Amino acid sequence: MKKITGLVALCCFALTLSAQDYVELDYTFKQGDGFELSQESRSETYITVNEVIQRTTRDYNNKMTIKVAEATTGRFLLTWAYTDIKFNFNAKNQNIFVDAKVPNPAEPLQDALKLMLEQPFTVEIQSNGLIVKVEQLDAVLDKASAAFSKLKSDEQEAYKKLLKDQFGTDAFRGWLEQLLVVYPVHGIKNGTQWEESVPIRTGLKGRVDLYWNLQHWDGQTAKVNGTGNIKTDKVETFTVEEGIQATAAIDGKLTANYLINRESGFPSICVQNTEMTGEYVYLANRKKQLKKDLTVPVKIVTNASYKIKQVK
């Protein structure tokens, strides 16, 4: 009898150890919770037109607040707002540096970014991290675009496109989908890999196949590594500078390291690197002085880091 009792106890102990090897990760918020996010990133694009390399850089140093407006079973409504925006854009020997909080009468983009500060928009996400929708951000950009009203019509359109490409709903949702880990609905252990696929939303058409791997976890944190395979649709068209239509045949890879705060599910720290190479094909357009299709080699490199801390 003692042997049987001892065997049962041993089995229970083994099952307990086995259960402790697994962890369940998800996003957990309470209504009223508040967070602050800081972003630093640089994106460099190199295109070669008629054997001449053109370089475009975009630097961001932004801060945002995140407040939990609604918390229900399996879903959360988060209110976001920019509190600080520093943006540097350099292309074709033109440099635009803007600090939303520092007046610059000579630069219309400064007034636009200033109008974006403290303007709320919402993100609805599931508890596993899938983004359901982003709303009211287009209205924020429409309000900000009033800063361009005194410009010539073609200048207005150019500035509106720049603002939308960098801060619009698709651009914001695109980077947020790569920042937030989508967690599996079951317990995982060290070494477990899982995946999710999301569309490219930054002008190009295609998919990003994301893969995550749990490296380590304890009572407060989890370390997750991520990779992403990026591939564009070679047939879909998009618009490049000066209204030229183009297709893109580009492949790339994203790598990321996350330190997850298990209490909220947000990454306390995320560091990412993305590199894509391939070619654009500018489609023939006599109005744009393109008599025939033009193949343009392209390389895009992005380095970014994010920090999220709970403040309430």
Foldseek 3Di string as FASTA:
>chain_A
DVVVVVVVVVVVVVVVVVVVQWDFFWFDDDAFWKKKKWKWKKKWKWKAFPNRIWIKMKIWTWMKMWGFHDDDAFKTKIKMATAWIWMWIDTPNDIDTETLVDDDVVDLVNQLVVLRGPDIWIWMATGQGHTDATDDQVVSNVRSLVSCVPPDPVVSVVSSVVCCLCRNRLNVVQVSSVQAHRTDPDIDGAFDKDWDKDFRRRQFTWIKIKMKGWHDDDDFKTKIKMKIKTFTDQPDWGADPPRWIKGWGKIKMKIKIFIAGRVRSHGQKMKMKIKMWGWIWGAADVVVPRNHIGIMTMMMIMIMMMGMDIDD
